Amino acid sequence: MTSWQLTRLIGGTFILLSLALGVPGSPIFHSMNWLWFTAFVGANFLQSGFSNWCLMEVIMRKLGARAA
């Protein structure tokens, strides 16, 4: 997988997991504070859409993922 694909895969996983942990109706609900993490990941996706730069993608490349 490329760094681009891994970044989106990890980001999507973070969003779904933090929603599951932060929404009171979820069977694995822990605390509504997890919704702050959801907002953080969403804001990073928004920022990377405008700037064409994403820290997670840089990290993935340094860990050995090939560039897109």
N, C-alpha and C. Protein backbone atom coordinates (compact mmCIF):
# COMPACT_ATOMS: atom_id res chain seq x y z
N MET A 1 0.84 -1.18 0.00
CA MET A 1 0.00 0.00 0.00
C MET A 1 0.89 1.25 0.00
N THR A 2 0.37 2.29 -0.57
CA THR A 2 1.11 3.55 -0.59
C THR A 2 0.84 4.33 0.70
N SER A 3 1.68 5.33 0.95
CA SER A 3 1.51 6.16 2.14
C SER A 3 0.16 6.87 2.11
N TRP A 4 -0.30 7.26 0.93
CA TRP A 4 -1.60 7.91 0.77
C TRP A 4 -2.73 6.99 1.22
N GLN A 5 -2.68 5.74 0.78
CA GLN A 5 -3.73 4.78 1.14
C GLN A 5 -3.68 4.45 2.64
N LEU A 6 -2.49 4.27 3.18
CA LEU A 6 -2.37 3.97 4.61
C LEU A 6 -2.88 5.11 5.48
N THR A 7 -2.59 6.34 5.07
CA THR A 7 -3.06 7.51 5.82
C THR A 7 -4.57 7.54 5.88
N ARG A 8 -5.23 7.32 4.77
CA ARG A 8 -6.70 7.33 4.76
C ARG A 8 -7.27 6.14 5.52
N LEU A 9 -6.63 4.99 5.44
CA LEU A 9 -7.07 3.81 6.18
C LEU A 9 -6.97 4.04 7.69
N ILE A 10 -5.86 4.57 8.13
CA ILE A 10 -5.67 4.83 9.56
C ILE A 10 -6.61 5.93 10.03
N GLY A 11 -6.74 7.00 9.25
CA GLY A 11 -7.65 8.10 9.61
C GLY A 11 -9.09 7.64 9.73
N GLY A 12 -9.55 6.84 8.78
CA GLY A 12 -10.91 6.31 8.82
C GLY A 12 -11.12 5.41 10.02
N THR A 13 -10.13 4.60 10.34
CA THR A 13 -10.21 3.72 11.50
C THR A 13 -10.28 4.54 12.79
N PHE A 14 -9.44 5.58 12.88
CA PHE A 14 -9.47 6.46 14.06
C PHE A 14 -10.84 7.11 14.22
N ILE A 15 -11.42 7.59 13.13
CA ILE A 15 -12.72 8.25 13.21
C ILE A 15 -13.80 7.28 13.67
N LEU A 16 -13.87 6.12 13.06
CA LEU A 16 -14.91 5.15 13.44
C LEU A 16 -14.74 4.66 14.88
N LEU A 17 -13.51 4.41 15.28
CA LEU A 17 -13.27 3.94 16.64
C LEU A 17 -13.60 5.02 17.66
N SER A 18 -13.18 6.26 17.40
CA SER A 18 -13.47 7.33 18.36
C SER A 18 -14.96 7.64 18.43
N LEU A 19 -15.68 7.50 17.31
CA LEU A 19 -17.13 7.65 17.35
C LEU A 19 -17.77 6.54 18.19
N ALA A 20 -17.30 5.31 18.01
CA ALA A 20 -17.84 4.20 18.78
C ALA A 20 -17.59 4.39 20.27
N LEU A 21 -16.45 4.98 20.62
CA LEU A 21 -16.13 5.20 22.02
C LEU A 21 -16.80 6.44 22.60
N GLY A 22 -17.24 7.38 21.73
CA GLY A 22 -17.76 8.65 22.21
C GLY A 22 -19.25 8.85 22.12
N VAL A 23 -19.96 7.98 21.41
CA VAL A 23 -21.41 8.15 21.25
C VAL A 23 -22.13 7.29 22.30
N PRO A 24 -22.97 7.92 23.12
CA PRO A 24 -23.60 7.19 24.23
C PRO A 24 -24.39 5.93 23.81
N GLY A 25 -24.92 5.86 22.61
CA GLY A 25 -25.68 4.70 22.20
C GLY A 25 -24.83 3.52 21.77
N SER A 26 -23.53 3.69 21.71
CA SER A 26 -22.63 2.63 21.25
C SER A 26 -22.42 1.57 22.33
N PRO A 27 -22.30 0.31 21.92
CA PRO A 27 -22.06 -0.74 22.92
C PRO A 27 -20.69 -0.65 23.59
N ILE A 28 -19.74 0.08 22.98
CA ILE A 28 -18.42 0.23 23.62
C ILE A 28 -18.19 1.67 24.09
N PHE A 29 -19.28 2.38 24.36
CA PHE A 29 -19.18 3.76 24.84
C PHE A 29 -18.29 3.86 26.06
N HIS A 30 -17.41 4.85 26.05
CA HIS A 30 -16.52 5.08 27.20
C HIS A 30 -16.70 6.49 27.76
N SER A 31 -16.56 7.49 26.90
CA SER A 31 -16.69 8.89 27.33
C SER A 31 -16.96 9.76 26.11
N MET A 32 -17.77 10.78 26.29
CA MET A 32 -18.05 11.69 25.17
C MET A 32 -16.82 12.50 24.78
N ASN A 33 -15.80 12.51 25.61
CA ASN A 33 -14.57 13.23 25.27
C ASN A 33 -13.85 12.63 24.07
N TRP A 34 -14.16 11.38 23.72
CA TRP A 34 -13.58 10.78 22.51
C TRP A 34 -13.99 11.52 21.25
N LEU A 35 -15.09 12.26 21.31
CA LEU A 35 -15.53 13.02 20.14
C LEU A 35 -14.55 14.14 19.81
N TRP A 36 -13.77 14.61 20.77
CA TRP A 36 -12.72 15.59 20.49
C TRP A 36 -11.66 15.00 19.56
N PHE A 37 -11.36 13.73 19.75
CA PHE A 37 -10.39 13.05 18.86
C PHE A 37 -10.96 12.93 17.46
N THR A 38 -12.25 12.65 17.35
CA THR A 38 -12.91 12.60 16.04
C THR A 38 -12.77 13.95 15.34
N ALA A 39 -13.02 15.03 16.07
CA ALA A 39 -12.90 16.37 15.50
C ALA A 39 -11.46 16.67 15.09
N PHE A 40 -10.49 16.23 15.88
CA PHE A 40 -9.08 16.45 15.56
C PHE A 40 -8.69 15.77 14.26
N VAL A 41 -9.10 14.52 14.09
CA VAL A 41 -8.77 13.79 12.86
C VAL A 41 -9.47 14.43 11.66
N GLY A 42 -10.72 14.81 11.83
CA GLY A 42 -11.45 15.48 10.75
C GLY A 42 -10.80 16.80 10.36
N ALA A 43 -10.35 17.57 11.35
CA ALA A 43 -9.67 18.84 11.07
C ALA A 43 -8.36 18.62 10.34
N ASN A 44 -7.65 17.55 10.67
CA ASN A 44 -6.41 17.23 9.96
C ASN A 44 -6.68 16.84 8.52
N PHE A 45 -7.75 16.09 8.28
CA PHE A 45 -8.12 15.76 6.89
C PHE A 45 -8.46 17.03 6.12
N LEU A 46 -9.19 17.92 6.74
CA LEU A 46 -9.55 19.19 6.10
C LEU A 46 -8.30 20.01 5.78
N GLN A 47 -7.41 20.12 6.74
CA GLN A 47 -6.17 20.86 6.54
C GLN A 47 -5.34 20.25 5.42
N SER A 48 -5.24 18.93 5.37
CA SER A 48 -4.43 18.30 4.33
C SER A 48 -5.05 18.46 2.95
N GLY A 49 -6.37 18.61 2.90
CA GLY A 49 -7.02 18.86 1.62
C GLY A 49 -6.67 20.22 1.04
N PHE A 50 -6.49 21.20 1.92
CA PHE A 50 -6.13 22.54 1.47
C PHE A 50 -4.63 22.71 1.23
N SER A 51 -3.82 22.11 2.10
CA SER A 51 -2.38 22.34 2.03
C SER A 51 -1.62 21.27 1.25
N ASN A 52 -2.27 20.13 0.98
CA ASN A 52 -1.63 19.00 0.30
C ASN A 52 -0.44 18.46 1.10
N TRP A 53 -0.51 18.58 2.44
CA TRP A 53 0.51 18.07 3.34
C TRP A 53 -0.17 17.41 4.53
N CYS A 54 0.31 16.23 4.90
CA CYS A 54 -0.29 15.50 6.02
C CYS A 54 0.83 14.84 6.83
N LEU A 55 0.86 15.13 8.13
CA LEU A 55 1.90 14.58 8.99
C LEU A 55 1.86 13.05 9.01
N MET A 56 0.67 12.46 9.05
CA MET A 56 0.57 11.00 9.08
C MET A 56 1.20 10.39 7.83
N GLU A 57 1.05 11.04 6.69
CA GLU A 57 1.65 10.53 5.46
C GLU A 57 3.17 10.60 5.53
N VAL A 58 3.70 11.66 6.12
CA VAL A 58 5.15 11.79 6.31
C VAL A 58 5.64 10.66 7.22
N ILE A 59 4.91 10.39 8.29
CA ILE A 59 5.28 9.32 9.22
C ILE A 59 5.25 7.97 8.51
N MET A 60 4.22 7.73 7.71
CA MET A 60 4.13 6.46 6.98
C MET A 60 5.32 6.26 6.03
N ARG A 61 5.73 7.34 5.37
CA ARG A 61 6.90 7.25 4.47
C ARG A 61 8.17 6.93 5.25
N LYS A 62 8.33 7.55 6.41
CA LYS A 62 9.53 7.28 7.23
C LYS A 62 9.52 5.85 7.78
N LEU A 63 8.33 5.27 7.92
CA LEU A 63 8.23 3.88 8.38
C LEU A 63 8.37 2.87 7.23
N GLY A 64 8.55 3.39 6.01
CA GLY A 64 8.85 2.50 4.90
C GLY A 64 7.78 2.36 3.84
N ALA A 65 6.64 3.03 3.98
CA ALA A 65 5.60 2.96 2.94
C ALA A 65 6.07 3.74 1.72
N ARG A 66 5.74 3.26 0.56
CA ARG A 66 6.16 3.97 -0.66
C ARG A 66 5.24 5.16 -0.91
N ALA A 67 5.82 6.17 -1.50
CA ALA A 67 5.06 7.39 -1.81
C ALA A 67 4.04 7.11 -2.90
N ALA A 68 2.96 7.87 -2.89
CA ALA A 68 1.91 7.69 -3.91
C ALA A 68 2.34 8.27 -5.23
